[in-house]
C-alpha atoms as a PDB file:
ATOM      1  CA  MET A   1      44.773 -81.467  -7.637  1.00  0.00           C
ATOM      2  CA  ALA A   2      46.054 -83.820 -10.443  1.00  0.00           C
ATOM      3  CA  ASN A   3      45.248 -81.988 -13.537  1.00  0.00           C
ATOM      4  CA  CYS A   4      45.911 -78.469 -12.368  1.00  0.00           C
ATOM      5  CA  VAL A   5      48.696 -76.290 -11.336  1.00  0.00           C
ATOM      6  CA  ARG A   6      49.117 -73.229  -9.223  1.00  0.00           C
ATOM      7  CA  ASN A   7      50.234 -69.935 -10.246  1.00  0.00           C
ATOM      8  CA  ILE A   8      51.826 -67.266  -8.182  1.00  0.00           C
ATOM      9  CA  GLU A   9      48.611 -65.548  -7.346  1.00  0.00           C
ATOM     10  CA  GLY A  10      47.148 -68.654  -6.162  1.00  0.00           C
ATOM     11  CA  HIS A  11      44.615 -69.459  -8.771  1.00  0.00           C
ATOM     12  CA  TYR A  12      44.324 -72.890 -10.273  1.00  0.00           C
ATOM     13  CA  TYR A  13      44.348 -73.566 -14.010  1.00  0.00           C
ATOM     14  CA  PRO A  14      43.849 -76.794 -15.951  1.00  0.00           C
ATOM     15  CA  VAL A  15      46.681 -78.112 -17.891  1.00  0.00           C
ATOM     16  CA  PHE A  16      45.492 -78.997 -21.636  1.00  0.00           C
ATOM     17  CA  HIS A  17      46.887 -82.192 -22.954  1.00  0.00           C
ATOM     18  CA  CYS A  18      50.146 -81.447 -25.294  1.00  0.00           C
ATOM     19  CA  GLY A  19      48.389 -83.530 -27.953  1.00  0.00           C
ATOM     20  CA  TRP A  20      46.095 -80.550 -28.871  1.00  0.00           C
ATOM     21  CA  SER A  21      49.125 -78.450 -29.629  1.00  0.00           C
ATOM     22  CA  SER A  22      47.895 -74.936 -31.307  1.00  0.00           C
ATOM     23  CA  CYS A  23      44.348 -76.374 -31.543  1.00  0.00           C
ATOM     24  CA  ALA A  24      44.085 -75.579 -27.678  1.00  0.00           C
ATOM     25  CA  GLU A  25      44.578 -71.896 -28.350  1.00  0.00           C
ATOM     26  CA  GLU A  26      42.144 -71.623 -31.097  1.00  0.00           C
ATOM     27  CA  LEU A  27      39.665 -73.613 -29.409  1.00  0.00           C
ATOM     28  CA  PHE A  28      39.746 -71.906 -25.903  1.00  0.00           C
ATOM     29  CA  HIS A  29      41.327 -68.384 -26.104  1.00  0.00           C
ATOM     30  CA  HIS A  30      41.505 -66.803 -29.551  1.00  0.00           C
ATOM     31  CA  THR A  31      40.047 -68.075 -32.883  1.00  0.00           C
ATOM     32  CA  SER A  32      42.150 -66.657 -35.621  1.00  0.00           C
ATOM     33  CA  ARG A  33      41.647 -66.640 -39.300  1.00  0.00           C
ATOM     34  CA  TYR A  34      43.879 -69.674 -39.643  1.00  0.00           C
ATOM     35  CA  TYR A  35      41.368 -71.850 -37.850  1.00  0.00           C
ATOM     36  CA  SER A  36      40.918 -74.102 -40.865  1.00  0.00           C
ATOM     37  CA  TYR A  37      44.005 -76.320 -39.440  1.00  0.00           C
ATOM     38  CA  THR A  38      41.896 -76.785 -36.284  1.00  0.00           C
ATOM     39  CA  GLU A  39      38.763 -77.598 -38.369  1.00  0.00           C
ATOM     40  CA  ALA A  40      40.531 -79.942 -40.432  1.00  0.00           C
ATOM     41  CA  PHE A  41      42.061 -81.632 -37.247  1.00  0.00           C
ATOM     42  CA  LEU A  42      38.797 -82.030 -35.618  1.00  0.00           C
ATOM     43  CA  ARG A  43      37.134 -83.219 -38.622  1.00  0.00           C
ATOM     44  CA  ASN A  44      39.538 -86.185 -38.921  1.00  0.00           C
ATOM     45  CA  LEU A  45      39.659 -86.573 -35.016  1.00  0.00           C
ATOM     46  CA  SER A  46      35.670 -86.844 -34.649  1.00  0.00           C
ATOM     47  CA  ALA A  47      35.182 -88.483 -38.041  1.00  0.00           C
ATOM     48  CA  ILE A  48      32.610 -86.072 -38.794  1.00  0.00           C
ATOM     49  CA  ARG A  49      33.666 -84.813 -42.303  1.00  0.00           C
ATOM     50  CA  ASN A  50      30.947 -82.078 -42.382  1.00  0.00           C
ATOM     51  CA  PHE A  51      32.103 -80.407 -39.338  1.00  0.00           C
ATOM     52  CA  SER A  52      32.690 -76.441 -39.473  1.00  0.00           C
ATOM     53  CA  MET A  53      34.161 -73.993 -37.344  1.00  0.00           C
ATOM     54  CA  LEU A  54      32.436 -71.235 -39.392  1.00  0.00           C
ATOM     55  CA  ASN A  55      31.038 -68.401 -37.088  1.00  0.00           C
ATOM     56  CA  TYR A  56      32.907 -70.046 -33.919  1.00  0.00           C
ATOM     57  CA  GLN A  57      34.664 -67.332 -31.572  1.00  0.00           C
ATOM     58  CA  ALA A  58      36.322 -68.604 -28.558  1.00  0.00           C
ATOM     59  CA  GLU A  59      35.358 -65.375 -26.849  1.00  0.00           C
ATOM     60  CA  ARG A  60      31.867 -66.408 -26.998  1.00  0.00           C
ATOM     61  CA  LEU A  61      32.033 -69.509 -24.922  1.00  0.00           C
ATOM     62  CA  SER A  62      30.046 -69.244 -21.826  1.00  0.00           C
ATOM     63  CA  TYR A  63      31.284 -70.340 -18.567  1.00  0.00           C
ATOM     64  CA  ASP A  64      29.805 -73.637 -18.674  1.00  0.00           C
ATOM     65  CA  GLN A  65      30.895 -74.158 -22.189  1.00  0.00           C
ATOM     66  CA  ARG A  66      34.360 -72.976 -21.060  1.00  0.00           C
ATOM     67  CA  LYS A  67      34.800 -75.292 -18.131  1.00  0.00           C
ATOM     68  CA  LEU A  68      33.428 -78.317 -20.230  1.00  0.00           C
ATOM     69  CA  LEU A  69      35.938 -77.603 -23.039  1.00  0.00           C
ATOM     70  CA  ALA A  70      38.669 -77.208 -20.469  1.00  0.00           C
ATOM     71  CA  ALA A  71      37.878 -80.590 -19.253  1.00  0.00           C
ATOM     72  CA  VAL A  72      38.042 -82.122 -22.430  1.00  0.00           C
ATOM     73  CA  LEU A  73      41.247 -80.440 -23.688  1.00  0.00           C
ATOM     74  CA  SER A  74      42.984 -81.879 -20.406  1.00  0.00           C
ATOM     75  CA  CYS A  75      42.423 -85.255 -22.080  1.00  0.00           C
ATOM     76  CA  GLU A  76      44.382 -87.046 -24.634  1.00  0.00           C
ATOM     77  CA  PRO A  77      42.771 -86.421 -28.099  1.00  0.00           C
ATOM     78  CA  ASN A  78      40.524 -89.358 -29.176  1.00  0.00           C
ATOM     79  CA  LEU A  79      37.325 -89.810 -31.129  1.00  0.00           C
ATOM     80  CA  GLY A  80      35.116 -89.080 -28.062  1.00  0.00           C
ATOM     81  CA  CYS A  81      36.872 -85.993 -27.179  1.00  0.00           C
ATOM     82  CA  GLY A  82      36.704 -84.803 -30.716  1.00  0.00           C
ATOM     83  CA  ARG A  83      33.060 -85.375 -30.925  1.00  0.00           C
ATOM     84  CA  THR A  84      32.331 -83.490 -27.584  1.00  0.00           C
ATOM     85  CA  ILE A  85      34.573 -80.441 -28.787  1.00  0.00           C
ATOM     86  CA  THR A  86      32.689 -80.362 -32.180  1.00  0.00           C
ATOM     87  CA  GLU A  87      29.195 -80.500 -30.248  1.00  0.00           C
ATOM     88  CA  ILE A  88      30.651 -77.290 -28.033  1.00  0.00           C
ATOM     89  CA  VAL A  89      31.873 -75.489 -31.177  1.00  0.00           C
ATOM     90  CA  THR A  90      28.477 -76.133 -33.203  1.00  0.00           C
ATOM     91  CA  SER A  91      26.642 -74.656 -30.019  1.00  0.00           C
ATOM     92  CA  VAL A  92      28.808 -71.706 -29.749  1.00  0.00           C
ATOM     93  CA  SER A  93      28.441 -71.064 -33.512  1.00  0.00           C
ATOM     94  CA  LEU A  94      24.536 -71.172 -33.184  1.00  0.00           C
ATOM     95  CA  GLY A  95      24.397 -68.688 -30.247  1.00  0.00           C
ATOM     96  CA  GLU A  96      23.702 -71.289 -27.537  1.00  0.00           C
ATOM     97  CA  ILE A  97      25.189 -71.022 -24.200  1.00  0.00           C
ATOM     98  CA  SER A  98      24.237 -74.369 -22.247  1.00  0.00           C
ATOM     99  CA  ILE A  99      25.705 -77.663 -22.119  1.00  0.00           C
ATOM    100  CA  SER A 100      23.834 -80.965 -22.134  1.00  0.00           C
ATOM    101  CA  ARG A 101      23.592 -83.565 -19.301  1.00  0.00           C
ATOM    102  CA  SER A 102      24.910 -86.160 -21.351  1.00  0.00           C
ATOM    103  CA  GLN A 103      28.008 -83.953 -22.053  1.00  0.00           C
ATOM    104  CA  ILE A 104      28.488 -83.386 -18.351  1.00  0.00           C
ATOM    105  CA  GLU A 105      28.043 -87.179 -17.618  1.00  0.00           C
ATOM    106  CA  CYS A 106      30.429 -88.400 -20.238  1.00  0.00           C
ATOM    107  CA  ASN A 107      33.090 -85.770 -18.875  1.00  0.00           C
ATOM    108  CA  GLN A 108      32.281 -85.761 -14.995  1.00  0.00           C
ATOM    109  CA  THR A 109      35.694 -87.110 -13.857  1.00  0.00           C
ATOM    110  CA  GLN A 110      37.569 -84.237 -15.635  1.00  0.00           C
ATOM    111  CA  MET A 111      34.933 -81.689 -14.815  1.00  0.00           C
ATOM    112  CA  ASP A 112      35.227 -82.650 -11.044  1.00  0.00           C
ATOM    113  CA  LEU A 113      39.022 -81.714 -11.186  1.00  0.00           C
ATOM    114  CA  LEU A 114      38.363 -78.034 -12.191  1.00  0.00           C
ATOM    115  CA  PRO A 115      37.395 -75.811  -9.229  1.00  0.00           C
ATOM    116  CA  ASP A 116      34.807 -73.051  -9.573  1.00  0.00           C
ATOM    117  CA  GLY A 117      34.860 -69.492  -9.861  1.00  0.00           C
ATOM    118  CA  ILE A 118      38.343 -69.327 -11.669  1.00  0.00           C
ATOM    119  CA  HIS A 119      39.782 -67.845 -14.836  1.00  0.00           C
ATOM    120  CA  LEU A 120      40.916 -70.610 -17.093  1.00  0.00           C
ATOM    121  CA  VAL A 121      44.156 -70.311 -19.191  1.00  0.00           C
ATOM    122  CA  TYR A 122      46.095 -72.567 -21.374  1.00  0.00           C
ATOM    123  CA  LYS A 123      49.700 -73.961 -20.074  1.00  0.00           C
ATOM    124  CA  HIS A 124      51.838 -76.202 -22.329  1.00  0.00           C
ATOM    125  CA  HIS A 125      53.881 -78.482 -20.296  1.00  0.00           C
ATOM    126  CA  GLY A 126      56.702 -79.192 -22.854  1.00  0.00           C
ATOM    127  CA  THR A 127      58.233 -82.154 -24.089  1.00  0.00           C
ATOM    128  CA  LYS A 128      57.627 -86.108 -23.438  1.00  0.00           C
ATOM    129  CA  PRO A 129      60.692 -88.289 -23.324  1.00  0.00           C
ATOM    130  CA  ILE A 130      61.437 -89.765 -26.518  1.00  0.00           C
ATOM    131  CA  PRO A 131      62.140 -93.771 -26.635  1.00  0.00           C
ATOM    132  CA  GLY A 132      65.236 -94.892 -28.151  1.00  0.00           C
ATOM    133  CA  ASP A 133      66.481 -93.029 -31.139  1.00  0.00           C
ATOM    134  CA  LEU A 134      63.237 -92.573 -32.965  1.00  0.00           C
ATOM    135  CA  SER A 135      62.266 -88.963 -33.395  1.00  0.00           C
ATOM    136  CA  PRO A 136      58.395 -88.039 -33.187  1.00  0.00           C
ATOM    137  CA  LEU A 137      59.343 -85.791 -36.141  1.00  0.00           C
ATOM    138  CA  ASP A 138      60.144 -88.518 -38.585  1.00  0.00           C
ATOM    139  CA  PRO A 139      56.954 -89.510 -39.546  1.00  0.00           C
ATOM    140  CA  PHE A 140      55.462 -85.895 -40.038  1.00  0.00           C
ATOM    141  CA  LEU A 141      58.631 -84.771 -42.113  1.00  0.00           C
ATOM    142  CA  HIS A 142      58.435 -87.810 -44.268  1.00  0.00           C
ATOM    143  CA  ILE A 143      54.749 -87.212 -44.946  1.00  0.00           C
ATOM    144  CA  ALA A 144      55.576 -83.576 -45.616  1.00  0.00           C
ATOM    145  CA  GLU A 145      58.349 -84.475 -48.085  1.00  0.00           C
ATOM    146  CA  ARG A 146      55.893 -86.680 -50.041  1.00  0.00           C
ATOM    147  CA  LEU A 147      53.521 -84.039 -50.166  1.00  0.00           C
ATOM    148  CA  ARG A 148      56.041 -81.256 -50.888  1.00  0.00           C
ATOM    149  CA  LEU A 149      54.909 -79.486 -47.936  1.00  0.00           C
ATOM    150  CA  PRO A 150      57.735 -76.865 -46.887  1.00  0.00           C
ATOM    151  CA  VAL A 151      58.448 -77.427 -43.085  1.00  0.00           C
ATOM    152  CA  ALA A 152      61.161 -76.145 -40.732  1.00  0.00           C
ATOM    153  CA  VAL A 153      61.912 -77.102 -37.146  1.00  0.00           C
ATOM    154  CA  MET A 154      63.094 -74.526 -34.963  1.00  0.00           C
ATOM    155  CA  GLU A 155      63.210 -73.742 -31.169  1.00  0.00           C
ATOM    156  CA  HIS A 156      61.114 -76.576 -30.658  1.00  0.00           C
ATOM    157  CA  HIS A 157      58.406 -75.103 -33.029  1.00  0.00           C
ATOM    158  CA  VAL A 158      57.204 -76.646 -36.338  1.00  0.00           C
ATOM    159  CA  GLU A 159      56.830 -73.751 -38.809  1.00  0.00           C
ATOM    160  CA  VAL A 160      54.462 -74.609 -41.463  1.00  0.00           C
ATOM    161  CA  SER A 161      51.648 -73.133 -43.431  1.00  0.00           C
ATOM    162  CA  LEU A 162      48.563 -74.133 -41.565  1.00  0.00           C
ATOM    163  CA  THR A 163      46.448 -73.420 -44.492  1.00  0.00           C
ATOM    164  CA  GLN A 164      48.345 -75.726 -46.742  1.00  0.00           C
ATOM    165  CA  LEU A 165      48.260 -78.353 -43.978  1.00  0.00           C
ATOM    166  CA  ALA A 166      44.517 -78.004 -43.542  1.00  0.00           C
ATOM    167  CA  GLN A 167      44.265 -78.851 -47.146  1.00  0.00           C
ATOM    168  CA  HIS A 168      46.077 -82.058 -46.855  1.00  0.00           C
ATOM    169  CA  LEU A 169      43.985 -83.038 -43.933  1.00  0.00           C
ATOM    170  CA  ASP A 170      40.882 -82.558 -46.008  1.00  0.00           C
ATOM    171  CA  SER A 171      42.403 -84.841 -48.695  1.00  0.00           C
ATOM    172  CA  PRO A 172      39.562 -87.240 -50.335  1.00  0.00           C
ATOM    173  CA  ASN A 173      41.968 -90.060 -49.557  1.00  0.00           C
ATOM    174  CA  PRO A 174      41.056 -91.513 -46.208  1.00  0.00           C
ATOM    175  CA  ILE A 175      44.295 -93.322 -45.827  1.00  0.00           C
ATOM    176  CA  ALA A 176      46.446 -90.142 -46.696  1.00  0.00           C
ATOM    177  CA  ARG A 177      44.201 -88.191 -44.088  1.00  0.00           C
ATOM    178  CA  ASN A 178      44.660 -91.014 -41.249  1.00  0.00           C
ATOM    179  CA  ASN A 179      48.439 -91.216 -41.726  1.00  0.00           C
ATOM    180  CA  LEU A 180      48.760 -87.412 -41.661  1.00  0.00           C
ATOM    181  CA  GLN A 181      46.567 -87.154 -38.567  1.00  0.00           C
ATOM    182  CA  ASN A 182      48.511 -89.964 -36.686  1.00  0.00           C
ATOM    183  CA  ALA A 183      51.723 -88.085 -37.466  1.00  0.00           C
ATOM    184  CA  LEU A 184      50.506 -84.961 -36.143  1.00  0.00           C
ATOM    185  CA  LEU A 185      49.137 -86.677 -32.856  1.00  0.00           C
ATOM    186  CA  GLN A 186      52.591 -88.179 -32.373  1.00  0.00           C
ATOM    187  CA  LEU A 187      54.195 -84.712 -32.852  1.00  0.00           C
ATOM    188  CA  HIS A 188      51.872 -82.922 -30.638  1.00  0.00           C
ATOM    189  CA  SER A 189      52.266 -85.318 -28.059  1.00  0.00           C
ATOM    190  CA  ALA A 190      56.004 -85.047 -28.123  1.00  0.00           C
ATOM    191  CA  GLY A 191      55.519 -81.371 -27.085  1.00  0.00           C
ATOM    192  CA  TYR A 192      56.117 -79.788 -30.503  1.00  0.00           C
ATOM    193  CA  LEU A 193      53.943 -76.730 -31.304  1.00  0.00           C
ATOM    194  CA  LEU A 194      52.890 -75.858 -34.796  1.00  0.00           C
ATOM    195  CA  ARG A 195      53.484 -72.229 -35.540  1.00  0.00           C
ATOM    196  CA  ASN A 196      51.743 -70.862 -38.816  1.00  0.00           C
ATOM    197  CA  HIS A 197      54.205 -69.634 -41.375  1.00  0.00           C
ATOM    198  CA  ARG A 198      52.349 -68.079 -44.205  1.00  0.00           C
ATOM    199  CA  GLY A 199      54.149 -68.552 -47.691  1.00  0.00           C
ATOM    200  CA  LEU A 200      57.104 -70.780 -46.427  1.00  0.00           C
ATOM    201  CA  THR A 201      59.150 -72.045 -49.024  1.00  0.00           C
ATOM    202  CA  HIS A 202      61.588 -74.969 -49.082  1.00  0.00           C
ATOM    203  CA  ARG A 203      64.410 -72.804 -49.608  1.00  0.00           C
ATOM    204  CA  GLU A 204      63.425 -70.605 -46.509  1.00  0.00           C
ATOM    205  CA  ALA A 205      62.699 -73.740 -44.416  1.00  0.00           C
ATOM    206  CA  ARG A 206      66.276 -74.859 -45.078  1.00  0.00           C
ATOM    207  CA  PHE A 207      67.497 -71.551 -44.284  1.00  0.00           C
ATOM    208  CA  ILE A 208      65.770 -70.938 -40.857  1.00  0.00           C
ATOM    209  CA  ALA A 209      65.571 -74.383 -39.382  1.00  0.00           C
ATOM    210  CA  ASP A 210      67.860 -75.256 -36.478  1.00  0.00           C
ATOM    211  CA  GLU A 211      66.859 -79.016 -36.496  1.00  0.00           C
ATOM    212  CA  ASP A 212      65.506 -80.141 -39.329  1.00  0.00           C
ATOM    213  CA  ALA A 213      63.515 -79.095 -42.738  1.00  0.00           C
ATOM    214  CA  VAL A 214      61.943 -80.308 -45.905  1.00  0.00           C
END
């Protein structure tokens, strides 16, 4: 079973693509009050600028919705995945519990990899190899420095205010949005996880960082 790992109790769990980073947790397990970052991330990924996660709670996913969401989250983030997830989120927000035939057909290959009757959980698989000397952090840190956004990298987590980051992802400038989105995707794919650090300052970022900071 290529896209699953087995735990010590003999259950199978889907592996979510690391490109979703902290968004997977917000979408699949528990939607926190800091969902604005995931919302902005999906707006840009799906190119649906009026998408909203208002009233969405991961705990309200039906079994069918959860299975479909798990299948999509096992794929690398792209336009199609983003749009499928926005459809699921909107359905849950409206209190709907079913999924459409078209959604199943579009994601049938991934759906077939997930066995029935299991409890699905998130598992992060760490870091991808980095080619050459190029750090996947560089584009994101460069943009953060220009935006005057405090960032601290420590223990392979990126400490940042997700609320402030979401505001920049919702910039009216499409080039700025796309550049930031691409930098985040590169960061996620390299295995870095974003961790919300409310009220982070540049001074504190430099003090706590063990890898890099701006």
